[in-house]
Amino acid sequence: GVADDVAARTIRVSLGWNTRAQELERFAEAWASLT
């Protein structure tokens, strides 16, 4: 495991065999809008 303070600032992103490029692009756009 990791320390609680590190875990509290972590986002887990899971990809699978069925993940499409469009879904990755949508995630990247959403992530970029947060910063």
PDB file of N, CA and C in Angstrom:
ATOM      1  N   GLY A   1       0.805  -1.177   0.000  1.00  0.00           N
ATOM      2  CA  GLY A   1       0.000   0.000   0.000  1.00  0.00           C
ATOM      3  C   GLY A   1       0.856   1.252   0.000  1.00  0.00           C
ATOM      4  N   VAL A   2       0.188   2.360   0.050  1.00  0.00           N
ATOM      5  CA  VAL A   2       0.840   3.670   0.096  1.00  0.00           C
ATOM      6  C   VAL A   2       0.319   4.437   1.295  1.00  0.00           C
ATOM      7  N   ALA A   3       1.011   5.480   1.648  1.00  0.00           N
ATOM      8  CA  ALA A   3       0.599   6.315   2.779  1.00  0.00           C
ATOM      9  C   ALA A   3      -0.772   6.940   2.501  1.00  0.00           C
ATOM     10  N   ASP A   4      -1.538   7.164   3.564  1.00  0.00           N
ATOM     11  CA  ASP A   4      -2.884   7.723   3.425  1.00  0.00           C
ATOM     12  C   ASP A   4      -2.886   9.061   2.704  1.00  0.00           C
ATOM     13  N   ASP A   5      -1.901   9.936   2.987  1.00  0.00           N
ATOM     14  CA  ASP A   5      -1.892  11.250   2.345  1.00  0.00           C
ATOM     15  C   ASP A   5      -1.630  11.130   0.847  1.00  0.00           C
ATOM     16  N   VAL A   6      -0.858  10.155   0.434  1.00  0.00           N
ATOM     17  CA  VAL A   6      -0.623   9.930  -0.996  1.00  0.00           C
ATOM     18  C   VAL A   6      -1.877   9.347  -1.641  1.00  0.00           C
ATOM     19  N   ALA A   7      -2.478   8.380  -0.992  1.00  0.00           N
ATOM     20  CA  ALA A   7      -3.688   7.753  -1.523  1.00  0.00           C
ATOM     21  C   ALA A   7      -4.817   8.763  -1.672  1.00  0.00           C
ATOM     22  N   ALA A   8      -4.894   9.741  -0.795  1.00  0.00           N
ATOM     23  CA  ALA A   8      -5.957  10.743  -0.852  1.00  0.00           C
ATOM     24  C   ALA A   8      -5.815  11.663  -2.059  1.00  0.00           C
ATOM     25  N   ARG A   9      -4.608  11.731  -2.646  1.00  0.00           N
ATOM     26  CA  ARG A   9      -4.369  12.611  -3.796  1.00  0.00           C
ATOM     27  C   ARG A   9      -4.199  11.823  -5.088  1.00  0.00           C
ATOM     28  N   THR A  10      -4.664  10.607  -5.102  1.00  0.00           N
ATOM     29  CA  THR A  10      -4.432   9.716  -6.230  1.00  0.00           C
ATOM     30  C   THR A  10      -5.722   9.425  -6.971  1.00  0.00           C
ATOM     31  N   ILE A  11      -5.632   9.383  -8.280  1.00  0.00           N
ATOM     32  CA  ILE A  11      -6.754   8.965  -9.116  1.00  0.00           C
ATOM     33  C   ILE A  11      -6.303   7.738  -9.889  1.00  0.00           C
ATOM     34  N   ARG A  12      -7.081   6.694  -9.805  1.00  0.00           N
ATOM     35  CA  ARG A  12      -6.757   5.470 -10.532  1.00  0.00           C
ATOM     36  C   ARG A  12      -7.508   5.469 -11.852  1.00  0.00           C
ATOM     37  N   VAL A  13      -6.786   5.237 -12.912  1.00  0.00           N
ATOM     38  CA  VAL A  13      -7.374   5.144 -14.245  1.00  0.00           C
ATOM     39  C   VAL A  13      -7.125   3.729 -14.744  1.00  0.00           C
ATOM     40  N   SER A  14      -8.193   3.028 -15.050  1.00  0.00           N
ATOM     41  CA  SER A  14      -8.071   1.651 -15.528  1.00  0.00           C
ATOM     42  C   SER A  14      -8.485   1.573 -16.989  1.00  0.00           C
ATOM     43  N   LEU A  15      -7.669   0.896 -17.759  1.00  0.00           N
ATOM     44  CA  LEU A  15      -7.958   0.674 -19.172  1.00  0.00           C
ATOM     45  C   LEU A  15      -8.080  -0.820 -19.399  1.00  0.00           C
ATOM     46  N   GLY A  16      -8.911  -1.180 -20.346  1.00  0.00           N
ATOM     47  CA  GLY A  16      -9.069  -2.594 -20.660  1.00  0.00           C
ATOM     48  C   GLY A  16      -8.954  -2.826 -22.150  1.00  0.00           C
ATOM     49  N   TRP A  17      -9.070  -4.083 -22.526  1.00  0.00           N
ATOM     50  CA  TRP A  17      -8.971  -4.435 -23.945  1.00  0.00           C
ATOM     51  C   TRP A  17     -10.051  -3.753 -24.772  1.00  0.00           C
ATOM     52  N   ASN A  18     -11.172  -3.419 -24.155  1.00  0.00           N
ATOM     53  CA  ASN A  18     -12.286  -2.820 -24.889  1.00  0.00           C
ATOM     54  C   ASN A  18     -12.297  -1.299 -24.830  1.00  0.00           C
ATOM     55  N   THR A  19     -11.299  -0.694 -24.192  1.00  0.00           N
ATOM     56  CA  THR A  19     -11.226   0.763 -24.118  1.00  0.00           C
ATOM     57  C   THR A  19     -10.944   1.311 -25.513  1.00  0.00           C
ATOM     58  N   ARG A  20     -11.758   2.274 -25.928  1.00  0.00           N
ATOM     59  CA  ARG A  20     -11.621   2.839 -27.275  1.00  0.00           C
ATOM     60  C   ARG A  20     -10.844   4.148 -27.219  1.00  0.00           C
ATOM     61  N   ALA A  21     -10.237   4.488 -28.339  1.00  0.00           N
ATOM     62  CA  ALA A  21      -9.472   5.731 -28.448  1.00  0.00           C
ATOM     63  C   ALA A  21     -10.351   6.929 -28.094  1.00  0.00           C
ATOM     64  N   GLN A  22     -11.607   6.898 -28.494  1.00  0.00           N
ATOM     65  CA  GLN A  22     -12.533   7.997 -28.197  1.00  0.00           C
ATOM     66  C   GLN A  22     -12.684   8.184 -26.687  1.00  0.00           C
ATOM     67  N   GLU A  23     -12.716   7.108 -25.944  1.00  0.00           N
ATOM     68  CA  GLU A  23     -12.835   7.202 -24.485  1.00  0.00           C
ATOM     69  C   GLU A  23     -11.576   7.806 -23.872  1.00  0.00           C
ATOM     70  N   LEU A  24     -10.424   7.433 -24.394  1.00  0.00           N
ATOM     71  CA  LEU A  24      -9.172   8.013 -23.904  1.00  0.00           C
ATOM     72  C   LEU A  24      -9.106   9.503 -24.211  1.00  0.00           C
ATOM     73  N   GLU A  25      -9.538   9.885 -25.394  1.00  0.00           N
ATOM     74  CA  GLU A  25      -9.546  11.303 -25.760  1.00  0.00           C
ATOM     75  C   GLU A  25     -10.482  12.092 -24.860  1.00  0.00           C
ATOM     76  N   ARG A  26     -11.641  11.529 -24.576  1.00  0.00           N
ATOM     77  CA  ARG A  26     -12.600  12.204 -23.696  1.00  0.00           C
ATOM     78  C   ARG A  26     -12.023  12.363 -22.291  1.00  0.00           C
ATOM     79  N   PHE A  27     -11.357  11.322 -21.795  1.00  0.00           N
ATOM     80  CA  PHE A  27     -10.719  11.415 -20.487  1.00  0.00           C
ATOM     81  C   PHE A  27      -9.641  12.493 -20.488  1.00  0.00           C
ATOM     82  N   ALA A  28      -8.799  12.520 -21.522  1.00  0.00           N
ATOM     83  CA  ALA A  28      -7.716  13.501 -21.601  1.00  0.00           C
ATOM     84  C   ALA A  28      -8.271  14.923 -21.616  1.00  0.00           C
ATOM     85  N   GLU A  29      -9.353  15.146 -22.334  1.00  0.00           N
ATOM     86  CA  GLU A  29      -9.978  16.473 -22.371  1.00  0.00           C
ATOM     87  C   GLU A  29     -10.525  16.853 -20.997  1.00  0.00           C
ATOM     88  N   ALA A  30     -11.186  15.916 -20.342  1.00  0.00           N
ATOM     89  CA  ALA A  30     -11.743  16.193 -19.015  1.00  0.00           C
ATOM     90  C   ALA A  30     -10.630  16.476 -18.017  1.00  0.00           C
ATOM     91  N   TRP A  31      -9.554  15.696 -18.067  1.00  0.00           N
ATOM     92  CA  TRP A  31      -8.420  15.879 -17.164  1.00  0.00           C
ATOM     93  C   TRP A  31      -7.784  17.247 -17.391  1.00  0.00           C
ATOM     94  N   ALA A  32      -7.591  17.617 -18.655  1.00  0.00           N
ATOM     95  CA  ALA A  32      -6.970  18.901 -18.985  1.00  0.00           C
ATOM     96  C   ALA A  32      -7.829  20.067 -18.497  1.00  0.00           C
ATOM     97  N   SER A  33      -9.138  19.892 -18.487  1.00  0.00           N
ATOM     98  CA  SER A  33     -10.015  20.984 -18.058  1.00  0.00           C
ATOM     99  C   SER A  33      -9.929  21.228 -16.553  1.00  0.00           C
ATOM    100  N   LEU A  34      -9.375  20.289 -15.805  1.00  0.00           N
ATOM    101  CA  LEU A  34      -9.253  20.438 -14.353  1.00  0.00           C
ATOM    102  C   LEU A  34      -8.061  21.294 -13.949  1.00  0.00           C
ATOM    103  N   THR A  35      -7.118  21.461 -14.845  1.00  0.00           N
ATOM    104  CA  THR A  35      -5.908  22.199 -14.485  1.00  0.00           C
ATOM    105  C   THR A  35      -5.915  23.595 -15.046  1.00  0.00           C
TER     106      THR A  35
END
